[in-house]
Amino acid sequence: MESDGGGCRRNGNRTSPKKQKRYYSGKQKCHTMKAQLLVEYETGQVICTAVDKGKMHDFKLLKRSRLPFVSSQLCLADRGYQGFAKRHAAACTPTKKPRKQPLPKAEKQHNRALARLRVRVEHVIRRFKIFRIFSGRYRNRRKRFGLRLNLIAGLLNYELSRAS
């Protein structure tokens, strides 16, 4: 069984200055929420979701979710999960380019092969964007973002199970 983690940022409505600070993402210059999806590679079904404030790092969100990973399970992840290979033996993340040096050809090929495998997860994220949970502005209560994300994941999993 292979799984893959994907993350996405959501813009939220502005609220009182006290609450705004919690959701402010300095890099994006806006108030965001972060969602993380764990997707089963073969079927494309969403296994698990995790939600937190926008300034939370991807890998930190993964550590906080405390997901039990089986050692025989291959995990594909993007560059946001750089330290994941130290925690999980079968984790595969793209390699970063060294500072002021080009990336070797073997590493480039490895990154491209990984991207070809990860494209399935990007297709699952696309299906979430059809429901407008990730695209555009989230106009509902922030507390219910995780609930709505899980409901949409359930709908998409049901749709996948009916198709096969």
Protein backbone atom coordinates (compact mmCIF):
# COMPACT_ATOMS: atom_id res chain seq x y z
CA MET A 1 0.00 0.00 0.00
CA GLU A 2 1.39 3.38 -0.96
CA SER A 3 0.22 6.71 0.36
CA ASP A 4 1.02 10.28 -0.40
CA GLY A 5 0.64 13.51 1.50
CA GLY A 6 -0.47 16.70 -0.14
CA GLY A 7 -1.08 20.09 1.37
CA CYS A 8 -3.07 23.12 0.34
CA ARG A 9 -3.65 26.61 1.70
CA ARG A 10 -7.06 28.27 2.02
CA ASN A 11 -7.80 31.97 2.24
CA GLY A 12 -10.22 32.87 5.00
CA ASN A 13 -12.35 35.87 5.80
CA ARG A 14 -10.88 38.62 7.94
CA THR A 15 -12.15 38.88 11.50
CA SER A 16 -11.24 40.84 14.60
CA PRO A 17 -7.54 41.80 14.90
CA LYS A 18 -7.06 39.46 17.86
CA LYS A 19 -8.25 36.41 15.91
CA GLN A 20 -6.61 37.56 12.68
CA LYS A 21 -3.15 37.12 14.14
CA ARG A 22 -3.67 33.39 14.66
CA TYR A 23 -4.46 32.77 11.00
CA TYR A 24 -2.01 35.22 9.45
CA SER A 25 0.43 33.61 7.05
CA GLY A 26 3.42 35.92 6.68
CA LYS A 27 4.64 34.37 3.43
CA GLN A 28 1.29 34.60 1.69
CA LYS A 29 0.43 38.03 3.15
CA CYS A 30 -3.07 36.86 3.93
CA HIS A 31 -5.09 34.93 6.51
CA THR A 32 -5.08 31.23 5.63
CA MET A 33 -5.87 27.75 6.86
CA LYS A 34 -3.88 24.68 5.90
CA ALA A 35 -5.29 21.29 4.98
CA GLN A 36 -3.28 18.10 4.61
CA LEU A 37 -4.51 15.04 2.75
CA LEU A 38 -3.25 11.49 2.98
CA VAL A 39 -4.20 9.71 -0.23
CA GLU A 40 -4.08 6.00 -1.06
CA TYR A 41 -2.05 5.72 -4.27
CA GLU A 42 -3.84 2.89 -6.06
CA THR A 43 -7.44 3.97 -5.59
CA GLY A 44 -7.05 7.72 -5.07
CA GLN A 45 -9.17 7.60 -1.92
CA VAL A 46 -8.52 10.05 0.89
CA ILE A 47 -7.38 8.12 3.97
CA CYS A 48 -6.98 10.98 6.39
CA THR A 49 -7.15 14.77 6.63
CA ALA A 50 -5.52 17.26 8.99
CA VAL A 51 -6.33 20.97 9.34
CA ASP A 52 -4.50 23.82 11.08
CA LYS A 53 -3.70 27.51 10.82
CA GLY A 54 -2.00 28.76 7.66
CA LYS A 55 1.39 29.56 9.14
CA MET A 56 1.91 25.95 10.25
CA HIS A 57 4.68 24.16 8.32
CA ASP A 58 3.68 21.02 6.38
CA PHE A 59 6.02 18.70 8.26
CA LYS A 60 5.01 20.12 11.64
CA LEU A 61 1.36 19.47 10.77
CA LEU A 62 2.27 15.88 9.86
CA LYS A 63 4.05 15.39 13.21
CA ARG A 64 1.08 16.83 15.11
CA SER A 65 -1.39 14.55 13.34
CA ARG A 66 0.49 11.51 14.78
CA LEU A 67 -0.37 9.21 11.90
CA PRO A 68 0.91 5.66 12.34
CA PHE A 69 2.98 4.74 9.28
CA VAL A 70 3.77 1.09 8.58
CA SER A 71 7.44 0.51 7.77
CA SER A 72 6.56 -1.41 4.57
CA GLN A 73 4.37 1.46 3.35
CA LEU A 74 5.91 3.69 0.66
CA CYS A 75 5.16 7.36 1.32
CA LEU A 76 5.58 9.94 -1.44
CA ALA A 77 5.73 13.56 -0.35
CA ASP A 78 6.61 16.98 -1.75
CA ARG A 79 9.40 19.33 -0.71
CA GLY A 80 7.48 20.57 2.32
CA TYR A 81 8.21 17.25 4.08
CA GLN A 82 12.04 17.28 3.85
CA GLY A 83 12.68 15.67 7.25
CA PHE A 84 10.13 12.91 6.73
CA ALA A 85 12.74 10.46 5.38
CA LYS A 86 14.51 10.50 8.78
CA ARG A 87 11.32 9.46 10.60
CA HIS A 88 10.04 6.93 8.07
CA ALA A 89 12.35 4.56 6.19
CA ALA A 90 10.17 4.21 3.09
CA ALA A 91 9.52 7.95 2.64
CA CYS A 92 10.48 9.49 -0.66
CA THR A 93 10.84 13.27 -1.05
CA PRO A 94 12.40 15.31 -3.86
CA THR A 95 15.95 16.51 -3.33
CA LYS A 96 16.65 20.22 -3.05
CA LYS A 97 19.19 21.97 -5.22
CA PRO A 98 22.41 22.86 -3.38
CA ARG A 99 23.00 26.57 -2.92
CA LYS A 100 24.74 28.17 -5.92
CA GLN A 101 25.20 24.79 -7.64
CA PRO A 102 23.14 22.97 -10.25
CA LEU A 103 21.24 19.83 -9.34
CA PRO A 104 22.96 16.66 -10.68
CA LYS A 105 21.23 14.85 -13.55
CA ALA A 106 20.53 11.73 -11.47
CA GLU A 107 18.77 13.85 -8.84
CA LYS A 108 16.77 15.65 -11.53
CA GLN A 109 15.62 12.32 -12.94
CA HIS A 110 14.67 11.14 -9.45
CA ASN A 111 12.63 14.31 -8.87
CA ARG A 112 10.85 13.93 -12.21
CA ALA A 113 10.03 10.28 -11.57
CA LEU A 114 8.62 11.24 -8.17
CA ALA A 115 6.57 14.03 -9.74
CA ARG A 116 5.11 11.55 -12.23
CA LEU A 117 3.94 9.38 -9.33
CA ARG A 118 2.66 12.29 -7.23
CA VAL A 119 0.48 13.63 -10.04
CA ARG A 120 -2.29 11.30 -8.83
CA VAL A 121 -2.46 13.20 -5.56
CA GLU A 122 -2.62 16.49 -7.42
CA HIS A 123 -5.64 15.08 -9.29
CA VAL A 124 -7.31 14.31 -5.95
CA ILE A 125 -6.65 17.90 -4.82
CA ARG A 126 -8.22 19.03 -8.11
CA ARG A 127 -11.37 17.12 -7.20
CA PHE A 128 -11.50 19.04 -3.91
CA LYS A 129 -11.15 22.30 -5.81
CA ILE A 130 -14.26 21.43 -7.82
CA PHE A 131 -16.17 21.70 -4.53
CA ARG A 132 -14.52 25.13 -4.02
CA ILE A 133 -13.13 24.14 -0.63
CA PHE A 134 -9.57 24.99 -1.75
CA SER A 135 -10.14 27.39 -4.63
CA GLY A 136 -11.32 30.90 -3.89
CA ARG A 137 -12.21 32.23 -0.46
CA TYR A 138 -13.66 30.08 2.32
CA ARG A 139 -16.64 32.08 3.62
CA ASN A 140 -17.88 29.83 6.38
CA ARG A 141 -16.80 29.44 10.01
CA ARG A 142 -13.18 28.45 10.44
CA LYS A 143 -14.04 25.91 13.12
CA ARG A 144 -16.07 23.95 10.59
CA PHE A 145 -13.41 23.88 7.88
CA GLY A 146 -12.12 20.47 9.01
CA LEU A 147 -15.64 19.05 9.21
CA ARG A 148 -16.47 20.23 5.70
CA LEU A 149 -13.16 18.90 4.40
CA ASN A 150 -13.94 15.46 5.87
CA LEU A 151 -17.47 15.51 4.43
CA ILE A 152 -16.17 16.28 0.95
CA ALA A 153 -13.50 13.58 1.33
CA GLY A 154 -16.27 11.13 2.25
CA LEU A 155 -18.31 12.16 -0.80
CA LEU A 156 -15.33 11.76 -3.12
CA ASN A 157 -14.43 8.36 -1.61
CA TYR A 158 -18.04 7.22 -2.03
CA GLU A 159 -17.98 8.38 -5.65
CA LEU A 160 -14.75 6.41 -6.25
CA SER A 161 -16.12 3.25 -4.62
CA ARG A 162 -19.30 3.43 -6.73
CA ALA A 163 -17.30 3.88 -9.95
CA SER A 164 -15.20 0.74 -9.41
